[in-house]
PDB file of N, CA and C in Angstrom:
ATOM      1  N   MET A   1       8.658   9.892   9.626  1.00  0.00           N
ATOM      2  CA  MET A   1       8.004   8.969   8.655  1.00  0.00           C
ATOM      3  C   MET A   1       9.046   7.697   8.589  1.00  0.00           C
ATOM      4  N   ILE A   2       8.234   6.576   8.718  1.00  0.00           N
ATOM      5  CA  ILE A   2       9.199   4.953   8.368  1.00  0.00           C
ATOM      6  C   ILE A   2       9.248   4.760   7.109  1.00  0.00           C
ATOM      7  N   LYS A   3      10.320   4.396   6.405  1.00  0.00           N
ATOM      8  CA  LYS A   3      10.445   4.131   5.321  1.00  0.00           C
ATOM      9  C   LYS A   3      10.712   2.643   5.320  1.00  0.00           C
ATOM     10  N   TYR A   4       9.722   1.397   4.388  1.00  0.00           N
ATOM     11  CA  TYR A   4       9.970   0.282   4.758  1.00  0.00           C
ATOM     12  C   TYR A   4      10.516  -0.190   3.513  1.00  0.00           C
ATOM     13  N   ASP A   5      11.369  -1.728   3.433  1.00  0.00           N
ATOM     14  CA  ASP A   5      11.722  -1.890   2.485  1.00  0.00           C
ATOM     15  C   ASP A   5      11.136  -3.243   1.698  1.00  0.00           C
ATOM     16  N   THR A   6      10.110  -3.667   2.470  1.00  0.00           N
ATOM     17  CA  THR A   6       8.982  -4.754   2.081  1.00  0.00           C
ATOM     18  C   THR A   6       8.063  -4.425   3.027  1.00  0.00           C
ATOM     19  N   VAL A   7       6.503  -4.863   2.288  1.00  0.00           N
ATOM     20  CA  VAL A   7       5.556  -4.597   2.811  1.00  0.00           C
ATOM     21  C   VAL A   7       4.420  -6.019   2.172  1.00  0.00           C
ATOM     22  N   VAL A   8       3.757  -6.191   2.940  1.00  0.00           N
ATOM     23  CA  VAL A   8       2.744  -7.295   2.771  1.00  0.00           C
ATOM     24  C   VAL A   8       1.584  -7.370   3.549  1.00  0.00           C
ATOM     25  N   TYR A   9       0.219  -8.071   2.782  1.00  0.00           N
ATOM     26  CA  TYR A   9      -1.038  -7.901   3.336  1.00  0.00           C
ATOM     27  C   TYR A   9      -0.901  -8.635   4.936  1.00  0.00           C
ATOM     28  N   THR A  10      -1.620  -7.937   5.971  1.00  0.00           N
ATOM     29  CA  THR A  10      -1.665  -8.628   7.104  1.00  0.00           C
ATOM     30  C   THR A  10      -2.573 -10.207   7.123  1.00  0.00           C
ATOM     31  N   ASN A  11      -2.236 -10.895   7.919  1.00  0.00           N
ATOM     32  CA  ASN A  11      -3.066 -12.265   7.724  1.00  0.00           C
ATOM     33  C   ASN A  11      -4.668 -12.064   8.152  1.00  0.00           C
ATOM     34  N   ASN A  12      -5.163 -11.212   8.786  1.00  0.00           N
ATOM     35  CA  ASN A  12      -6.705 -10.820   9.173  1.00  0.00           C
ATOM     36  C   ASN A  12      -7.238  -9.837   8.647  1.00  0.00           C
ATOM     37  N   ILE A  13      -6.894  -9.840   7.185  1.00  0.00           N
ATOM     38  CA  ILE A  13      -7.919  -9.242   6.458  1.00  0.00           C
ATOM     39  C   ILE A  13      -8.630 -10.037   4.804  1.00  0.00           C
ATOM     40  N   SER A  14      -9.519  -9.531   4.810  1.00  0.00           N
ATOM     41  CA  SER A  14     -10.489  -9.859   3.454  1.00  0.00           C
ATOM     42  C   SER A  14     -10.504  -8.625   2.152  1.00  0.00           C
ATOM     43  N   TRP A  15     -10.480  -8.841   1.271  1.00  0.00           N
ATOM     44  CA  TRP A  15     -10.535  -7.677   0.467  1.00  0.00           C
ATOM     45  C   TRP A  15     -10.760  -8.142  -1.072  1.00  0.00           C
ATOM     46  N   GLY A  16     -11.572  -7.143  -1.728  1.00  0.00           N
ATOM     47  CA  GLY A  16     -12.459  -7.498  -3.005  1.00  0.00           C
ATOM     48  C   GLY A  16     -12.246  -5.791  -3.830  1.00  0.00           C
ATOM     49  N   ILE A  17     -12.600  -6.092  -5.054  1.00  0.00           N
ATOM     50  CA  ILE A  17     -12.432  -5.293  -5.988  1.00  0.00           C
ATOM     51  C   ILE A  17     -14.042  -4.801  -6.314  1.00  0.00           C
ATOM     52  N   ILE A  18     -14.476  -3.625  -6.289  1.00  0.00           N
ATOM     53  CA  ILE A  18     -15.744  -3.354  -6.346  1.00  0.00           C
ATOM     54  C   ILE A  18     -15.670  -2.206  -7.514  1.00  0.00           C
ATOM     55  N   GLY A  19     -15.896  -2.459  -8.775  1.00  0.00           N
ATOM     56  CA  GLY A  19     -15.870  -1.215  -9.866  1.00  0.00           C
ATOM     57  C   GLY A  19     -14.256  -0.877  -9.669  1.00  0.00           C
ATOM     58  N   ASP A  20     -13.963   0.753  -9.130  1.00  0.00           N
ATOM     59  CA  ASP A  20     -12.739   1.038  -9.605  1.00  0.00           C
ATOM     60  C   ASP A  20     -12.116   1.628  -8.058  1.00  0.00           C
ATOM     61  N   GLU A  21     -12.930   0.610  -7.161  1.00  0.00           N
ATOM     62  CA  GLU A  21     -12.520   0.719  -5.753  1.00  0.00           C
ATOM     63  C   GLU A  21     -11.977  -0.433  -5.042  1.00  0.00           C
ATOM     64  N   VAL A  22     -11.101  -0.304  -4.080  1.00  0.00           N
ATOM     65  CA  VAL A  22     -10.665  -1.788  -3.347  1.00  0.00           C
ATOM     66  C   VAL A  22     -11.413  -1.553  -1.679  1.00  0.00           C
ATOM     67  N   PHE A  23     -12.101  -2.624  -1.389  1.00  0.00           N
ATOM     68  CA  PHE A  23     -12.681  -2.581  -0.210  1.00  0.00           C
ATOM     69  C   PHE A  23     -11.890  -3.456   0.424  1.00  0.00           C
ATOM     70  N   VAL A  24     -11.294  -2.956   2.026  1.00  0.00           N
ATOM     71  CA  VAL A  24     -10.662  -4.435   2.703  1.00  0.00           C
ATOM     72  C   VAL A  24     -11.238  -4.290   4.050  1.00  0.00           C
ATOM     73  N   PHE A  25     -11.838  -5.636   4.471  1.00  0.00           N
ATOM     74  CA  PHE A  25     -12.265  -5.669   5.851  1.00  0.00           C
ATOM     75  C   PHE A  25     -11.255  -6.389   6.773  1.00  0.00           C
ATOM     76  N   ASN A  26     -11.023  -5.724   7.899  1.00  0.00           N
ATOM     77  CA  ASN A  26     -10.031  -6.160   8.723  1.00  0.00           C
ATOM     78  C   ASN A  26     -10.806  -6.907   9.706  1.00  0.00           C
ATOM     79  N   GLU A  27     -10.576  -8.301   9.702  1.00  0.00           N
ATOM     80  CA  GLU A  27     -11.198  -9.416  10.690  1.00  0.00           C
ATOM     81  C   GLU A  27     -10.887  -8.872  11.830  1.00  0.00           C
ATOM     82  N   GLU A  28      -9.796  -8.487  12.182  1.00  0.00           N
ATOM     83  CA  GLU A  28      -9.462  -8.113  13.800  1.00  0.00           C
ATOM     84  C   GLU A  28     -10.515  -7.163  14.719  1.00  0.00           C
ATOM     85  N   ASN A  29     -10.675  -5.945  13.708  1.00  0.00           N
ATOM     86  CA  ASN A  29     -11.536  -5.200  14.475  1.00  0.00           C
ATOM     87  C   ASN A  29     -12.779  -4.226  13.588  1.00  0.00           C
ATOM     88  N   ASP A  30     -13.200  -5.442  12.583  1.00  0.00           N
ATOM     89  CA  ASP A  30     -14.845  -5.546  11.912  1.00  0.00           C
ATOM     90  C   ASP A  30     -14.924  -4.239  11.250  1.00  0.00           C
ATOM     91  N   LYS A  31     -13.913  -3.543  10.858  1.00  0.00           N
ATOM     92  CA  LYS A  31     -13.724  -2.239  10.094  1.00  0.00           C
ATOM     93  C   LYS A  31     -13.442  -2.649   8.406  1.00  0.00           C
ATOM     94  N   ILE A  32     -13.972  -1.705   7.866  1.00  0.00           N
ATOM     95  CA  ILE A  32     -14.048  -1.905   6.361  1.00  0.00           C
ATOM     96  C   ILE A  32     -13.308  -0.663   6.070  1.00  0.00           C
ATOM     97  N   TYR A  33     -12.460  -0.710   5.324  1.00  0.00           N
ATOM     98  CA  TYR A  33     -11.485   0.606   4.769  1.00  0.00           C
ATOM     99  C   TYR A  33     -11.856   0.465   3.142  1.00  0.00           C
ATOM    100  N   LEU A  34     -12.053   1.396   2.650  1.00  0.00           N
ATOM    101  CA  LEU A  34     -11.993   1.760   1.152  1.00  0.00           C
ATOM    102  C   LEU A  34     -10.615   2.478   0.591  1.00  0.00           C
ATOM    103  N   LEU A  35     -10.260   2.110  -0.417  1.00  0.00           N
ATOM    104  CA  LEU A  35      -8.774   2.443  -1.022  1.00  0.00           C
ATOM    105  C   LEU A  35      -9.064   2.828  -2.246  1.00  0.00           C
ATOM    106  N   LYS A  36      -8.782   4.248  -2.307  1.00  0.00           N
ATOM    107  CA  LYS A  36      -8.922   4.941  -3.546  1.00  0.00           C
ATOM    108  C   LYS A  36      -7.598   5.230  -3.981  1.00  0.00           C
ATOM    109  N   GLY A  37      -7.204   6.039  -5.183  1.00  0.00           N
ATOM    110  CA  GLY A  37      -6.142   6.360  -5.902  1.00  0.00           C
ATOM    111  C   GLY A  37      -4.788   5.652  -5.520  1.00  0.00           C
ATOM    112  N   ILE A  38      -3.714   6.382  -5.024  1.00  0.00           N
ATOM    113  CA  ILE A  38      -2.514   5.824  -4.791  1.00  0.00           C
ATOM    114  C   ILE A  38      -2.489   4.398  -3.831  1.00  0.00           C
ATOM    115  N   GLU A  39      -3.281   4.912  -2.703  1.00  0.00           N
ATOM    116  CA  GLU A  39      -3.609   3.567  -1.908  1.00  0.00           C
ATOM    117  C   GLU A  39      -4.049   2.095  -2.558  1.00  0.00           C
ATOM    118  N   LYS A  40      -4.712   2.521  -3.642  1.00  0.00           N
ATOM    119  CA  LYS A  40      -5.693   1.736  -4.361  1.00  0.00           C
ATOM    120  C   LYS A  40      -4.486   0.720  -5.276  1.00  0.00           C
ATOM    121  N   ASP A  41      -3.553   1.919  -5.701  1.00  0.00           N
ATOM    122  CA  ASP A  41      -2.545   1.078  -6.504  1.00  0.00           C
ATOM    123  C   ASP A  41      -1.630   0.593  -6.212  1.00  0.00           C
ATOM    124  N   ILE A  42      -1.264   0.709  -4.950  1.00  0.00           N
ATOM    125  CA  ILE A  42      -0.189   0.315  -4.000  1.00  0.00           C
ATOM    126  C   ILE A  42      -0.876  -1.279  -3.615  1.00  0.00           C
ATOM    127  N   TRP A  43      -1.814  -1.329  -3.237  1.00  0.00           N
ATOM    128  CA  TRP A  43      -2.392  -2.487  -2.964  1.00  0.00           C
ATOM    129  C   TRP A  43      -2.583  -3.316  -3.759  1.00  0.00           C
ATOM    130  N   LEU A  44      -2.828  -2.746  -5.111  1.00  0.00           N
ATOM    131  CA  LEU A  44      -3.119  -3.963  -6.300  1.00  0.00           C
ATOM    132  C   LEU A  44      -1.865  -4.389  -6.742  1.00  0.00           C
ATOM    133  N   LEU A  45      -0.688  -3.557  -6.660  1.00  0.00           N
ATOM    134  CA  LEU A  45       0.616  -3.877  -7.111  1.00  0.00           C
ATOM    135  C   LEU A  45       1.241  -4.971  -5.810  1.00  0.00           C
ATOM    136  N   LEU A  46       0.958  -4.981  -4.833  1.00  0.00           N
ATOM    137  CA  LEU A  46       1.476  -5.786  -3.597  1.00  0.00           C
ATOM    138  C   LEU A  46       0.828  -7.152  -3.632  1.00  0.00           C
ATOM    139  N   ARG A  47      -0.182  -7.449  -4.812  1.00  0.00           N
ATOM    140  CA  ARG A  47      -0.627  -9.187  -5.190  1.00  0.00           C
ATOM    141  C   ARG A  47       0.703  -9.432  -5.697  1.00  0.00           C
ATOM    142  N   ASN A  48       1.823  -9.133  -6.634  1.00  0.00           N
ATOM    143  CA  ASN A  48       2.958  -9.308  -7.241  1.00  0.00           C
ATOM    144  C   ASN A  48       4.343  -9.061  -6.690  1.00  0.00           C
ATOM    145  N   GLN A  49       4.044  -7.821  -5.808  1.00  0.00           N
ATOM    146  CA  GLN A  49       5.597  -7.364  -5.504  1.00  0.00           C
ATOM    147  C   GLN A  49       5.130  -7.046  -4.242  1.00  0.00           C
ATOM    148  N   SER A  50       6.483  -7.581  -3.468  1.00  0.00           N
ATOM    149  CA  SER A  50       6.327  -6.938  -2.004  1.00  0.00           C
ATOM    150  C   SER A  50       7.373  -5.772  -1.587  1.00  0.00           C
ATOM    151  N   TYR A  51       8.393  -5.355  -2.971  1.00  0.00           N
ATOM    152  CA  TYR A  51       9.552  -4.569  -2.380  1.00  0.00           C
ATOM    153  C   TYR A  51       9.018  -3.490  -2.717  1.00  0.00           C
ATOM    154  N   VAL A  52       8.864  -2.368  -1.943  1.00  0.00           N
ATOM    155  CA  VAL A  52       8.580  -0.871  -2.139  1.00  0.00           C
ATOM    156  C   VAL A  52       9.236  -0.163  -2.798  1.00  0.00           C
ATOM    157  N   ARG A  53      10.790  -0.394  -3.256  1.00  0.00           N
ATOM    158  CA  ARG A  53      11.293   0.645  -4.452  1.00  0.00           C
ATOM    159  C   ARG A  53      11.068   0.132  -5.800  1.00  0.00           C
ATOM    160  N   THR A  54      10.450  -0.989  -5.706  1.00  0.00           N
ATOM    161  CA  THR A  54       9.916  -1.767  -7.095  1.00  0.00           C
ATOM    162  C   THR A  54       8.611  -1.135  -7.278  1.00  0.00           C
ATOM    163  N   ILE A  55       7.820  -1.121  -6.531  1.00  0.00           N
ATOM    164  CA  ILE A  55       6.076  -0.420  -6.381  1.00  0.00           C
ATOM    165  C   ILE A  55       6.492   1.088  -6.649  1.00  0.00           C
ATOM    166  N   ILE A  56       7.399   1.763  -5.900  1.00  0.00           N
ATOM    167  CA  ILE A  56       7.692   3.134  -6.673  1.00  0.00           C
ATOM    168  C   ILE A  56       8.144   3.683  -7.922  1.00  0.00           C
ATOM    169  N   GLN A  57       8.705   2.494  -8.166  1.00  0.00           N
ATOM    170  CA  GLN A  57       9.059   2.498 -10.130  1.00  0.00           C
ATOM    171  C   GLN A  57       8.271   2.503 -10.859  1.00  0.00           C
ATOM    172  N   GLN A  58       7.450   1.264 -10.323  1.00  0.00           N
ATOM    173  CA  GLN A  58       6.382   1.338 -11.584  1.00  0.00           C
ATOM    174  C   GLN A  58       5.121   2.084 -11.520  1.00  0.00           C
ATOM    175  N   LEU A  59       4.942   2.944 -10.369  1.00  0.00           N
ATOM    176  CA  LEU A  59       3.922   3.957 -10.091  1.00  0.00           C
ATOM    177  C   LEU A  59       4.621   5.190 -10.745  1.00  0.00           C
ATOM    178  N   SER A  60       5.592   5.474 -10.809  1.00  0.00           N
ATOM    179  CA  SER A  60       6.479   6.604 -11.264  1.00  0.00           C
ATOM    180  C   SER A  60       6.606   6.181 -12.800  1.00  0.00           C
ATOM    181  N   ASN A  61       6.704   5.177 -13.152  1.00  0.00           N
ATOM    182  CA  ASN A  61       6.736   5.030 -14.913  1.00  0.00           C
ATOM    183  C   ASN A  61       5.455   5.142 -15.293  1.00  0.00           C
ATOM    184  N   SER A  62       4.646   4.437 -14.673  1.00  0.00           N
ATOM    185  CA  SER A  62       2.952   4.417 -15.171  1.00  0.00           C
ATOM    186  C   SER A  62       2.211   5.756 -15.027  1.00  0.00           C
ATOM    187  N   SER A  63       2.756   6.535 -14.054  1.00  0.00           N
ATOM    188  CA  SER A  63       1.903   7.842 -14.277  1.00  0.00           C
ATOM    189  C   SER A  63       2.843   8.948 -14.404  1.00  0.00           C
ATOM    190  N   ASN A  64       4.111   8.793 -14.976  1.00  0.00           N
ATOM    191  CA  ASN A  64       4.785   9.990 -15.820  1.00  0.00           C
ATOM    192  C   ASN A  64       5.206  10.821 -14.504  1.00  0.00           C
ATOM    193  N   ILE A  65       5.247  10.542 -13.425  1.00  0.00           N
ATOM    194  CA  ILE A  65       5.548  11.597 -12.334  1.00  0.00           C
ATOM    195  C   ILE A  65       6.844  11.220 -11.669  1.00  0.00           C
ATOM    196  N   ASP A  66       7.873  12.065 -11.353  1.00  0.00           N
ATOM    197  CA  ASP A  66       8.984  11.957 -10.610  1.00  0.00           C
ATOM    198  C   ASP A  66       9.050  10.970  -9.588  1.00  0.00           C
ATOM    199  N   GLU A  67      10.022  10.020  -9.681  1.00  0.00           N
ATOM    200  CA  GLU A  67      10.264   9.013  -8.370  1.00  0.00           C
ATOM    201  C   GLU A  67      10.022   9.763  -6.851  1.00  0.00           C
ATOM    202  N   ILE A  68      10.589  10.992  -7.013  1.00  0.00           N
ATOM    203  CA  ILE A  68      10.931  11.447  -5.602  1.00  0.00           C
ATOM    204  C   ILE A  68       9.331  11.932  -5.060  1.00  0.00           C
ATOM    205  N   VAL A  69       8.370  12.321  -5.889  1.00  0.00           N
ATOM    206  CA  VAL A  69       7.183  12.432  -5.768  1.00  0.00           C
ATOM    207  C   VAL A  69       6.546  11.475  -5.286  1.00  0.00           C
ATOM    208  N   VAL A  70       6.848  10.578  -6.268  1.00  0.00           N
ATOM    209  CA  VAL A  70       5.927   9.151  -5.781  1.00  0.00           C
ATOM    210  C   VAL A  70       6.167   8.237  -4.508  1.00  0.00           C
ATOM    211  N   GLU A  71       7.603   8.128  -4.441  1.00  0.00           N
ATOM    212  CA  GLU A  71       8.331   8.090  -3.061  1.00  0.00           C
ATOM    213  C   GLU A  71       7.540   8.389  -1.641  1.00  0.00           C
ATOM    214  N   ALA A  72       7.365   9.950  -2.014  1.00  0.00           N
ATOM    215  CA  ALA A  72       7.008  10.599  -0.502  1.00  0.00           C
ATOM    216  C   ALA A  72       5.153  10.171  -0.322  1.00  0.00           C
ATOM    217  N   ASN A  73       4.546   9.817  -1.619  1.00  0.00           N
ATOM    218  CA  ASN A  73       3.398   9.515  -1.580  1.00  0.00           C
ATOM    219  C   ASN A  73       3.030   8.229  -1.022  1.00  0.00           C
ATOM    220  N   VAL A  74       3.864   7.223  -1.610  1.00  0.00           N
ATOM    221  CA  VAL A  74       3.903   5.584  -1.071  1.00  0.00           C
ATOM    222  C   VAL A  74       4.093   5.856   0.203  1.00  0.00           C
ATOM    223  N   PHE A  75       5.307   6.245   0.449  1.00  0.00           N
ATOM    224  CA  PHE A  75       5.447   5.916   1.840  1.00  0.00           C
ATOM    225  C   PHE A  75       4.565   6.772   3.074  1.00  0.00           C
ATOM    226  N   ILE A  76       3.822   7.750   2.516  1.00  0.00           N
ATOM    227  CA  ILE A  76       2.715   8.443   3.684  1.00  0.00           C
ATOM    228  C   ILE A  76       1.555   7.296   3.361  1.00  0.00           C
ATOM    229  N   SER A  77       1.179   6.778   2.570  1.00  0.00           N
ATOM    230  CA  SER A  77       0.338   5.621   2.393  1.00  0.00           C
ATOM    231  C   SER A  77       0.435   4.556   2.910  1.00  0.00           C
ATOM    232  N   ILE A  78       1.990   3.799   2.679  1.00  0.00           N
ATOM    233  CA  ILE A  78       2.144   2.677   3.593  1.00  0.00           C
ATOM    234  C   ILE A  78       2.138   2.602   4.857  1.00  0.00           C
ATOM    235  N   ASN A  79       2.537   4.029   5.566  1.00  0.00           N
ATOM    236  CA  ASN A  79       2.479   3.982   6.849  1.00  0.00           C
ATOM    237  C   ASN A  79       0.915   3.915   7.514  1.00  0.00           C
ATOM    238  N   LYS A  80       0.227   4.565   6.765  1.00  0.00           N
ATOM    239  CA  LYS A  80      -1.484   4.893   6.982  1.00  0.00           C
ATOM    240  C   LYS A  80      -2.028   3.486   7.053  1.00  0.00           C
ATOM    241  N   LEU A  81      -1.602   2.503   5.980  1.00  0.00           N
ATOM    242  CA  LEU A  81      -2.185   1.440   5.946  1.00  0.00           C
ATOM    243  C   LEU A  81      -1.704   0.326   6.938  1.00  0.00           C
ATOM    244  N   ILE A  82      -0.252   0.456   7.339  1.00  0.00           N
ATOM    245  CA  ILE A  82       0.399  -0.154   8.502  1.00  0.00           C
ATOM    246  C   ILE A  82      -0.305  -0.042   9.731  1.00  0.00           C
ATOM    247  N   LYS A  83      -0.404   1.436  10.093  1.00  0.00           N
ATOM    248  CA  LYS A  83      -1.112   2.105  11.365  1.00  0.00           C
ATOM    249  C   LYS A  83      -2.685   1.078  11.051  1.00  0.00           C
ATOM    250  N   THR A  84      -3.491   1.227  10.251  1.00  0.00           N
ATOM    251  CA  THR A  84      -4.856   0.547  10.022  1.00  0.00           C
ATOM    252  C   THR A  84      -4.349  -0.741  10.247  1.00  0.00           C
ATOM    253  N   LYS A  85      -3.398  -1.588  10.318  1.00  0.00           N
ATOM    254  CA  LYS A  85      -3.183  -2.999  10.250  1.00  0.00           C
ATOM    255  C   LYS A  85      -3.881  -3.758   9.148  1.00  0.00           C
ATOM    256  N   LEU A  86      -3.782  -2.920   8.156  1.00  0.00           N
ATOM    257  CA  LEU A  86      -3.954  -3.869   6.775  1.00  0.00           C
ATOM    258  C   LEU A  86      -2.543  -4.271   6.295  1.00  0.00           C
ATOM    259  N   LEU A  87      -1.612  -3.668   6.381  1.00  0.00           N
ATOM    260  CA  LEU A  87       0.051  -3.971   5.739  1.00  0.00           C
ATOM    261  C   LEU A  87       0.880  -4.263   7.012  1.00  0.00           C
ATOM    262  N   CYS A  88       1.762  -5.416   6.991  1.00  0.00           N
ATOM    263  CA  CYS A  88       2.848  -5.120   7.673  1.00  0.00           C
ATOM    264  C   CYS A  88       4.090  -5.205   7.050  1.00  0.00           C
ATOM    265  N   GLY A  89       5.227  -4.473   7.409  1.00  0.00           N
ATOM    266  CA  GLY A  89       6.531  -4.227   6.569  1.00  0.00           C
ATOM    267  C   GLY A  89       7.766  -4.526   7.202  1.00  0.00           C
ATOM    268  N   ALA A  90       9.058  -4.432   6.489  1.00  0.00           N
ATOM    269  CA  ALA A  90       9.996  -4.744   7.066  1.00  0.00           C
ATOM    270  C   ALA A  90      11.063  -3.142   7.237  1.00  0.00           C
ATOM    271  N   ILE A  91      11.389  -2.604   8.463  1.00  0.00           N
ATOM    272  CA  ILE A  91      11.829  -1.369   8.254  1.00  0.00           C
ATOM    273  C   ILE A  91      13.098  -1.261   7.549  1.00  0.00           C
ATOM    274  N   TYR A  92      13.571  -0.370   6.917  1.00  0.00           N
ATOM    275  CA  TYR A  92      15.015  -0.232   6.842  1.00  0.00           C
ATOM    276  C   TYR A  92      15.657   1.155   6.836  1.00  0.00           C
ATOM    277  N   GLU A  93      14.815   1.941   7.265  1.00  0.00           N
ATOM    278  CA  GLU A  93      15.336   3.576   7.240  1.00  0.00           C
ATOM    279  C   GLU A  93      14.266   4.368   8.169  1.00  0.00           C
ATOM    280  N   LYS A  94      14.343   5.048   9.421  1.00  0.00           N
ATOM    281  CA  LYS A  94      13.544   5.801  10.034  1.00  0.00           C
ATOM    282  C   LYS A  94      13.761   7.023   9.492  1.00  0.00           C
TER     283      LYS A  94
END
């Protein structure tokens, strides 16, 4: 699993919130992705924050879950979102 220092939205996406879910349209491959749970939380936090460590801390504090558990889930989700070309990131550790 790759760990990223910072992540940002890619330039080829459009997105919106409908109800309690986030829909992201990848303009490059014409696919729509539905984000729920931690993926949605990460996505929304990225509006104001690109540092992954800060996102992990915010999610840990808001959910009252240990940072180590949150970190593992965040990096799994970020790797998935980067693989689908919805996010891009700067690597600091493999």
